[in-house]
Amino acid sequence: SRSELIAQLLAGGWQVFPSSANFIFAGSPGTSGQRIASQLRDAGILVRHFPGPRTEPFVRITIGATAECLAL
């Protein structure tokens, strides 16, 4: 599910940082990380947002079950 999620995000124009952990760090150009996190939260999907100067445009997405990744 990790590689499929990354492929789908990249196909949607997202920037995804390389990671071997159980999460990915990604963002959608032109959209703030806070807005992404808020919209996903409204849809019942929780991600982490770190409002620092270098991390603001991105969210941390934990790799979950296939169904969870598809929902994202």
N, C-alpha and C. Protein backbone atom coordinates (compact mmCIF):
# COMPACT_ATOMS: atom_id res chain seq x y z
N SER A 1 0.83 -1.20 0.00
CA SER A 1 0.00 0.00 0.00
C SER A 1 0.87 1.26 0.00
N ARG A 2 2.08 1.18 0.55
CA ARG A 2 2.97 2.34 0.59
C ARG A 2 3.31 2.82 -0.82
N SER A 3 3.79 1.90 -1.66
CA SER A 3 4.20 2.30 -3.00
C SER A 3 3.01 2.79 -3.83
N GLU A 4 1.87 2.17 -3.65
CA GLU A 4 0.67 2.60 -4.37
C GLU A 4 0.24 3.99 -3.92
N LEU A 5 0.26 4.27 -2.63
CA LEU A 5 -0.10 5.59 -2.12
C LEU A 5 0.86 6.65 -2.67
N ILE A 6 2.15 6.36 -2.63
CA ILE A 6 3.14 7.31 -3.14
C ILE A 6 2.91 7.56 -4.63
N ALA A 7 2.68 6.50 -5.39
CA ALA A 7 2.44 6.65 -6.82
C ALA A 7 1.21 7.50 -7.10
N GLN A 8 0.15 7.30 -6.33
CA GLN A 8 -1.07 8.09 -6.53
C GLN A 8 -0.86 9.55 -6.17
N LEU A 9 -0.14 9.81 -5.09
CA LEU A 9 0.14 11.20 -4.71
C LEU A 9 1.00 11.88 -5.78
N LEU A 10 2.04 11.20 -6.25
CA LEU A 10 2.90 11.77 -7.29
C LEU A 10 2.10 12.02 -8.58
N ALA A 11 1.22 11.11 -8.94
CA ALA A 11 0.40 11.28 -10.13
C ALA A 11 -0.54 12.48 -9.99
N GLY A 12 -0.91 12.79 -8.75
CA GLY A 12 -1.77 13.95 -8.49
C GLY A 12 -1.01 15.25 -8.35
N GLY A 13 0.30 15.21 -8.61
CA GLY A 13 1.09 16.43 -8.56
C GLY A 13 1.68 16.76 -7.20
N TRP A 14 1.58 15.85 -6.25
CA TRP A 14 2.12 16.09 -4.91
C TRP A 14 3.63 15.92 -4.90
N GLN A 15 4.26 16.56 -3.95
CA GLN A 15 5.67 16.34 -3.67
C GLN A 15 5.75 15.36 -2.51
N VAL A 16 6.51 14.29 -2.69
CA VAL A 16 6.64 13.26 -1.67
C VAL A 16 8.12 13.05 -1.39
N PHE A 17 8.52 13.18 -0.14
CA PHE A 17 9.91 12.99 0.24
C PHE A 17 10.21 11.50 0.43
N PRO A 18 11.40 11.06 0.04
CA PRO A 18 11.78 9.66 0.25
C PRO A 18 11.75 9.29 1.74
N SER A 19 11.29 8.09 2.03
CA SER A 19 11.20 7.64 3.41
C SER A 19 11.18 6.12 3.45
N SER A 20 11.81 5.57 4.48
CA SER A 20 11.75 4.13 4.72
C SER A 20 10.95 3.84 5.97
N ALA A 21 10.42 4.87 6.59
CA ALA A 21 9.68 4.73 7.84
C ALA A 21 8.23 4.32 7.56
N ASN A 22 7.43 4.28 8.61
CA ASN A 22 6.03 3.90 8.46
C ASN A 22 5.16 5.11 8.12
N PHE A 23 5.78 6.18 7.62
CA PHE A 23 5.03 7.36 7.23
C PHE A 23 5.71 8.00 6.02
N ILE A 24 4.97 8.89 5.36
CA ILE A 24 5.55 9.70 4.31
C ILE A 24 5.28 11.17 4.64
N PHE A 25 6.11 12.02 4.11
CA PHE A 25 5.99 13.46 4.30
C PHE A 25 5.70 14.03 2.92
N ALA A 26 4.53 14.63 2.75
CA ALA A 26 4.10 15.04 1.42
C ALA A 26 3.31 16.34 1.47
N GLY A 27 3.25 16.99 0.33
CA GLY A 27 2.48 18.22 0.23
C GLY A 27 2.00 18.44 -1.19
N SER A 28 0.98 19.23 -1.33
CA SER A 28 0.42 19.58 -2.63
C SER A 28 0.81 21.02 -2.92
N PRO A 29 1.63 21.24 -3.96
CA PRO A 29 2.10 22.60 -4.26
C PRO A 29 0.95 23.60 -4.35
N GLY A 30 1.14 24.73 -3.71
CA GLY A 30 0.14 25.78 -3.72
C GLY A 30 -0.92 25.65 -2.64
N THR A 31 -0.84 24.60 -1.83
CA THR A 31 -1.80 24.39 -0.76
C THR A 31 -1.05 24.26 0.55
N SER A 32 -1.48 24.97 1.57
CA SER A 32 -0.79 24.89 2.86
C SER A 32 -1.03 23.53 3.51
N GLY A 33 -0.06 23.10 4.28
CA GLY A 33 -0.20 21.85 5.00
C GLY A 33 -1.36 21.89 5.98
N GLN A 34 -1.58 23.04 6.58
CA GLN A 34 -2.69 23.18 7.52
C GLN A 34 -4.02 22.98 6.80
N ARG A 35 -4.13 23.52 5.61
CA ARG A 35 -5.38 23.36 4.85
C ARG A 35 -5.59 21.90 4.47
N ILE A 36 -4.52 21.23 4.03
CA ILE A 36 -4.61 19.81 3.70
C ILE A 36 -5.09 19.02 4.91
N ALA A 37 -4.43 19.25 6.06
CA ALA A 37 -4.79 18.53 7.29
C ALA A 37 -6.24 18.80 7.69
N SER A 38 -6.66 20.05 7.56
CA SER A 38 -8.02 20.42 7.94
C SER A 38 -9.05 19.75 7.04
N GLN A 39 -8.80 19.77 5.73
CA GLN A 39 -9.75 19.15 4.80
C GLN A 39 -9.82 17.64 5.00
N LEU A 40 -8.68 17.02 5.24
CA LEU A 40 -8.68 15.58 5.49
C LEU A 40 -9.39 15.26 6.80
N ARG A 41 -9.16 16.09 7.83
CA ARG A 41 -9.83 15.87 9.12
C ARG A 41 -11.34 15.94 8.94
N ASP A 42 -11.82 16.91 8.13
CA ASP A 42 -13.25 17.03 7.86
C ASP A 42 -13.81 15.76 7.19
N ALA A 43 -12.93 15.06 6.46
CA ALA A 43 -13.33 13.81 5.79
C ALA A 43 -13.09 12.58 6.66
N GLY A 44 -12.65 12.81 7.92
CA GLY A 44 -12.43 11.70 8.84
C GLY A 44 -11.07 11.04 8.71
N ILE A 45 -10.13 11.73 8.05
CA ILE A 45 -8.78 11.20 7.86
C ILE A 45 -7.81 12.08 8.64
N LEU A 46 -7.06 11.47 9.55
CA LEU A 46 -6.15 12.24 10.39
C LEU A 46 -4.72 12.12 9.90
N VAL A 47 -4.08 13.26 9.71
CA VAL A 47 -2.66 13.34 9.37
C VAL A 47 -2.04 14.35 10.32
N ARG A 48 -0.72 14.41 10.38
CA ARG A 48 -0.04 15.37 11.25
C ARG A 48 0.45 16.53 10.42
N HIS A 49 0.31 17.73 10.98
CA HIS A 49 0.85 18.94 10.36
C HIS A 49 1.79 19.60 11.34
N PHE A 50 2.95 20.02 10.86
CA PHE A 50 3.95 20.69 11.69
C PHE A 50 4.12 22.11 11.15
N PRO A 51 3.67 23.13 11.89
CA PRO A 51 3.63 24.49 11.37
C PRO A 51 4.95 25.25 11.40
N GLY A 52 6.07 24.58 11.27
CA GLY A 52 7.37 25.26 11.25
C GLY A 52 7.64 25.91 9.90
N PRO A 53 8.65 26.77 9.85
CA PRO A 53 8.94 27.48 8.60
C PRO A 53 9.28 26.56 7.42
N ARG A 54 9.95 25.45 7.67
CA ARG A 54 10.32 24.54 6.58
C ARG A 54 9.29 23.44 6.36
N THR A 55 8.47 23.16 7.35
CA THR A 55 7.54 22.03 7.26
C THR A 55 6.09 22.44 7.00
N GLU A 56 5.79 23.73 7.00
CA GLU A 56 4.41 24.20 6.88
C GLU A 56 3.68 23.66 5.66
N PRO A 57 4.31 23.55 4.49
CA PRO A 57 3.55 23.11 3.31
C PRO A 57 3.22 21.62 3.28
N PHE A 58 3.67 20.87 4.27
CA PHE A 58 3.59 19.42 4.19
C PHE A 58 2.79 18.81 5.33
N VAL A 59 2.39 17.56 5.13
CA VAL A 59 1.74 16.77 6.18
C VAL A 59 2.47 15.44 6.29
N ARG A 60 2.38 14.86 7.47
CA ARG A 60 2.97 13.54 7.73
C ARG A 60 1.83 12.55 7.68
N ILE A 61 1.95 11.58 6.78
CA ILE A 61 0.89 10.60 6.55
C ILE A 61 1.40 9.22 6.97
N THR A 62 0.78 8.65 7.97
CA THR A 62 1.15 7.30 8.40
C THR A 62 0.63 6.29 7.39
N ILE A 63 1.48 5.33 7.04
CA ILE A 63 1.06 4.27 6.12
C ILE A 63 0.19 3.29 6.91
N GLY A 64 -1.06 3.17 6.51
CA GLY A 64 -1.98 2.29 7.19
C GLY A 64 -2.33 1.10 6.32
N ALA A 65 -3.47 0.54 6.61
CA ALA A 65 -3.98 -0.58 5.81
C ALA A 65 -4.32 -0.09 4.41
N THR A 66 -4.40 -1.00 3.49
CA THR A 66 -4.69 -0.64 2.09
C THR A 66 -5.97 0.19 1.98
N ALA A 67 -7.01 -0.20 2.69
CA ALA A 67 -8.29 0.55 2.63
C ALA A 67 -8.11 1.98 3.13
N GLU A 68 -7.28 2.16 4.15
CA GLU A 68 -7.02 3.51 4.68
C GLU A 68 -6.27 4.35 3.67
N CYS A 69 -5.30 3.77 3.02
CA CYS A 69 -4.52 4.50 2.01
C CYS A 69 -5.41 4.87 0.83
N LEU A 70 -6.30 3.97 0.44
CA LEU A 70 -7.21 4.27 -0.66
C LEU A 70 -8.18 5.39 -0.30
N ALA A 71 -8.61 5.45 0.96
CA ALA A 71 -9.50 6.51 1.41
C ALA A 71 -8.83 7.87 1.31
N LEU A 72 -7.53 7.90 1.60
CA LEU A 72 -6.79 9.15 1.52
C LEU A 72 -6.76 9.65 0.08
